[in-house]
C-alpha atoms as a PDB file:
ATOM      1  CA  GLN A   1     -80.314 182.955 169.869  1.00  0.00           C
ATOM      2  CA  MET A   2     -78.440 185.878 169.043  1.00  0.00           C
ATOM      3  CA  PRO A   3     -77.474 185.672 165.218  1.00  0.00           C
ATOM      4  CA  HIS A   4     -74.007 184.892 165.870  1.00  0.00           C
ATOM      5  CA  GLY A   5     -74.526 182.575 168.306  1.00  0.00           C
ATOM      6  CA  ARG A   6     -74.104 179.889 165.159  1.00  0.00           C
ATOM      7  CA  MET A   7     -70.820 181.540 163.847  1.00  0.00           C
ATOM      8  CA  PRO A   8     -67.462 179.498 164.413  1.00  0.00           C
ATOM      9  CA  LEU A   9     -65.808 180.681 167.078  1.00  0.00           C
ATOM     10  CA  PRO A  10     -62.820 182.081 165.171  1.00  0.00           C
ATOM     11  CA  SER A  11     -65.215 183.991 162.677  1.00  0.00           C
ATOM     12  CA  PHE A  12     -66.982 185.301 165.884  1.00  0.00           C
ATOM     13  CA  TRP A  13     -63.469 186.874 167.186  1.00  0.00           C
ATOM     14  CA  LYS A  14     -62.651 188.162 164.161  1.00  0.00           C
ATOM     15  CA  MET A  15     -65.823 189.866 163.998  1.00  0.00           C
ATOM     16  CA  VAL A  16     -65.310 191.417 166.952  1.00  0.00           C
ATOM     17  CA  GLU A  17     -61.872 192.457 166.908  1.00  0.00           C
ATOM     18  CA  ASP A  18     -62.934 194.212 163.507  1.00  0.00           C
ATOM     19  CA  THR A  19     -65.788 195.988 165.168  1.00  0.00           C
ATOM     20  CA  LEU A  20     -63.509 197.149 168.118  1.00  0.00           C
ATOM     21  CA  GLN A  21     -60.684 198.162 166.069  1.00  0.00           C
ATOM     22  CA  GLU A  22     -63.426 200.219 163.483  1.00  0.00           C
ATOM     23  CA  SER A  23     -65.023 201.686 167.061  1.00  0.00           C
ATOM     24  CA  GLY A  24     -61.547 202.881 167.945  1.00  0.00           C
ATOM     25  CA  THR A  25     -60.576 204.336 164.832  1.00  0.00           C
ATOM     26  CA  GLN A  26     -63.852 206.315 164.677  1.00  0.00           C
ATOM     27  CA  MET A  27     -63.548 207.488 168.263  1.00  0.00           C
ATOM     28  CA  ARG A  28     -59.902 208.536 167.361  1.00  0.00           C
ATOM     29  CA  THR A  29     -61.498 210.635 164.479  1.00  0.00           C
ATOM     30  CA  PHE A  30     -64.110 212.200 166.630  1.00  0.00           C
ATOM     31  CA  CYS A  31     -61.269 213.407 169.305  1.00  0.00           C
ATOM     32  CA  GLN A  32     -59.458 214.992 166.277  1.00  0.00           C
ATOM     33  CA  MET A  33     -62.711 216.510 165.136  1.00  0.00           C
ATOM     34  CA  PHE A  34     -63.746 217.683 168.972  1.00  0.00           C
ATOM     35  CA  GLU A  35     -60.254 219.343 169.253  1.00  0.00           C
ATOM     36  CA  THR A  36     -60.155 220.932 166.042  1.00  0.00           C
ATOM     37  CA  VAL A  37     -63.671 222.511 166.511  1.00  0.00           C
ATOM     38  CA  THR A  38     -63.280 223.291 170.281  1.00  0.00           C
ATOM     39  CA  PRO A  39     -63.000 227.181 170.152  1.00  0.00           C
ATOM     40  CA  SER A  40     -59.893 229.189 171.540  1.00  0.00           C
ATOM     41  CA  PRO A  41     -60.102 230.608 175.088  1.00  0.00           C
ATOM     42  CA  VAL A  42     -61.517 234.093 175.171  1.00  0.00           C
ATOM     43  CA  ILE A  43     -59.032 236.666 175.643  1.00  0.00           C
ATOM     44  CA  GLN A  44     -60.103 238.695 178.871  1.00  0.00           C
ATOM     45  CA  PRO A  45     -57.996 241.344 181.185  1.00  0.00           C
ATOM     46  CA  LEU A  46     -56.013 239.896 183.655  1.00  0.00           C
ATOM     47  CA  ASN A  47     -56.828 240.703 187.258  1.00  0.00           C
ATOM     48  CA  PRO A  48     -53.960 242.162 189.091  1.00  0.00           C
ATOM     49  CA  ALA A  49     -53.043 239.096 190.842  1.00  0.00           C
ATOM     50  CA  GLU A  50     -53.064 236.953 187.500  1.00  0.00           C
ATOM     51  CA  GLU A  51     -51.127 239.616 186.110  1.00  0.00           C
ATOM     52  CA  ARG A  52     -48.455 239.571 188.622  1.00  0.00           C
ATOM     53  CA  LYS A  53     -47.999 235.799 188.279  1.00  0.00           C
ATOM     54  CA  VAL A  54     -47.834 236.053 184.090  1.00  0.00           C
ATOM     55  CA  LEU A  55     -44.965 238.675 185.279  1.00  0.00           C
ATOM     56  CA  SER A  56     -43.165 236.230 187.194  1.00  0.00           C
ATOM     57  CA  LEU A  57     -43.619 233.198 184.674  1.00  0.00           C
ATOM     58  CA  VAL A  58     -41.961 235.586 182.121  1.00  0.00           C
ATOM     59  CA  SER A  59     -39.158 236.817 184.050  1.00  0.00           C
ATOM     60  CA  LYS A  60     -38.460 232.771 185.630  1.00  0.00           C
ATOM     61  CA  HIS A  61     -39.041 231.525 182.038  1.00  0.00           C
ATOM     62  CA  GLY A  62     -39.131 234.219 179.250  1.00  0.00           C
ATOM     63  CA  PRO A  63     -42.128 235.209 177.355  1.00  0.00           C
ATOM     64  CA  ASP A  64     -41.334 232.205 174.461  1.00  0.00           C
ATOM     65  CA  LYS A  65     -42.557 229.576 177.096  1.00  0.00           C
ATOM     66  CA  LEU A  66     -46.014 230.931 178.401  1.00  0.00           C
ATOM     67  CA  TYR A  67     -49.117 229.082 177.078  1.00  0.00           C
ATOM     68  CA  GLN A  68     -52.665 229.484 177.642  1.00  0.00           C
ATOM     69  CA  VAL A  69     -54.707 226.510 178.840  1.00  0.00           C
ATOM     70  CA  THR A  70     -57.642 225.962 176.275  1.00  0.00           C
ATOM     71  CA  SER A  71     -59.746 223.961 178.328  1.00  0.00           C
ATOM     72  CA  ASN A  72     -60.347 223.165 181.774  1.00  0.00           C
ATOM     73  CA  ILE A  73     -57.913 220.157 182.890  1.00  0.00           C
ATOM     74  CA  SER A  74     -58.853 217.642 185.859  1.00  0.00           C
ATOM     75  CA  GLY A  75     -55.668 216.400 187.118  1.00  0.00           C
ATOM     76  CA  SER A  76     -56.236 212.733 187.565  1.00  0.00           C
ATOM     77  CA  ARG A  77     -52.775 210.829 188.252  1.00  0.00           C
ATOM     78  CA  ASP A  78     -50.060 211.968 190.465  1.00  0.00           C
ATOM     79  CA  LEU A  79     -48.195 215.208 189.628  1.00  0.00           C
ATOM     80  CA  ASP A  80     -51.106 216.609 187.400  1.00  0.00           C
ATOM     81  CA  LEU A  81     -52.153 219.848 187.575  1.00  0.00           C
ATOM     82  CA  THR A  82     -56.085 220.891 187.737  1.00  0.00           C
ATOM     83  CA  LEU A  83     -56.153 224.447 185.808  1.00  0.00           C
ATOM     84  CA  GLN A  84     -58.949 226.133 184.701  1.00  0.00           C
ATOM     85  CA  ARG A  85     -59.757 227.685 181.060  1.00  0.00           C
ATOM     86  CA  GLY A  86     -57.630 230.802 180.320  1.00  0.00           C
ATOM     87  CA  GLN A  87     -54.776 230.409 182.950  1.00  0.00           C
ATOM     88  CA  ILE A  88     -51.331 230.935 182.126  1.00  0.00           C
ATOM     89  CA  VAL A  89     -48.735 228.700 182.141  1.00  0.00           C
ATOM     90  CA  ALA A  90     -44.852 228.046 181.487  1.00  0.00           C
ATOM     91  CA  LEU A  91     -43.302 225.321 179.860  1.00  0.00           C
ATOM     92  CA  LEU A  92     -41.056 223.303 181.842  1.00  0.00           C
ATOM     93  CA  GLN A  93     -40.400 220.391 179.354  1.00  0.00           C
ATOM     94  CA  SER A  94     -42.214 219.246 176.665  1.00  0.00           C
ATOM     95  CA  MET A  95     -42.776 215.712 177.786  1.00  0.00           C
ATOM     96  CA  ASP A  96     -43.091 213.735 180.677  1.00  0.00           C
ATOM     97  CA  THR A  97     -40.732 211.596 183.081  1.00  0.00           C
ATOM     98  CA  LYS A  98     -41.205 208.415 180.500  1.00  0.00           C
ATOM     99  CA  GLY A  99     -40.548 210.396 177.375  1.00  0.00           C
ATOM    100  CA  ASN A 100     -44.499 210.876 176.684  1.00  0.00           C
ATOM    101  CA  THR A 101     -44.702 214.230 174.552  1.00  0.00           C
ATOM    102  CA  ASN A 102     -48.547 214.447 175.229  1.00  0.00           C
ATOM    103  CA  ARG A 103     -47.941 215.690 178.939  1.00  0.00           C
ATOM    104  CA  TRP A 104     -46.054 218.469 179.046  1.00  0.00           C
ATOM    105  CA  LEU A 105     -44.397 219.599 182.668  1.00  0.00           C
ATOM    106  CA  VAL A 106     -45.369 223.472 183.284  1.00  0.00           C
ATOM    107  CA  ASP A 107     -45.120 225.659 185.927  1.00  0.00           C
ATOM    108  CA  ALA A 108     -48.396 227.225 186.776  1.00  0.00           C
ATOM    109  CA  GLY A 109     -47.151 230.399 189.049  1.00  0.00           C
ATOM    110  CA  GLY A 110     -46.487 228.234 192.008  1.00  0.00           C
ATOM    111  CA  PRO A 111     -47.374 224.370 191.355  1.00  0.00           C
ATOM    112  CA  ARG A 112     -45.582 222.551 189.034  1.00  0.00           C
ATOM    113  CA  GLY A 113     -46.806 219.734 187.330  1.00  0.00           C
ATOM    114  CA  PHE A 114     -47.811 218.049 183.880  1.00  0.00           C
ATOM    115  CA  VAL A 115     -50.861 218.690 182.215  1.00  0.00           C
ATOM    116  CA  PRO A 116     -52.263 217.389 178.466  1.00  0.00           C
ATOM    117  CA  ALA A 117     -50.261 218.780 175.684  1.00  0.00           C
ATOM    118  CA  GLY A 118     -53.288 219.426 173.538  1.00  0.00           C
ATOM    119  CA  LYS A 119     -54.817 221.491 176.079  1.00  0.00           C
ATOM    120  CA  LEU A 120     -52.249 224.326 175.695  1.00  0.00           C
ATOM    121  CA  GLN A 121     -51.493 226.841 172.964  1.00  0.00           C
ATOM    122  CA  PRO A 122     -48.845 229.473 172.980  1.00  0.00           C
ATOM    123  CA  TYR A 123     -49.912 232.439 174.403  1.00  0.00           C
END
């Protein structure tokens, strides 16, 4: 009963592939626009405990390795960290164990793990 019901099978599958490819392109464009539009974290004074953590990270890793989390991160895989927007972390490695540069290994002032690189900005 659907309009595609009388289409030859190869034409139907080609139409499905084209539609999925177009949807994927639209989704990637949307994600890129969303990442661009998302505001940077608000600079807030650090509480004393957070300030001590930042000083510790600077002494261990140096100031050029510090990054701030731009939006909440909910770790979903093994070794992923769950972090709050505005937290300060130190970059340990700009890739994961499989060479994926979209996931970075960071030190969060105690726990170490992976976070999406796109959710970090230099501090």
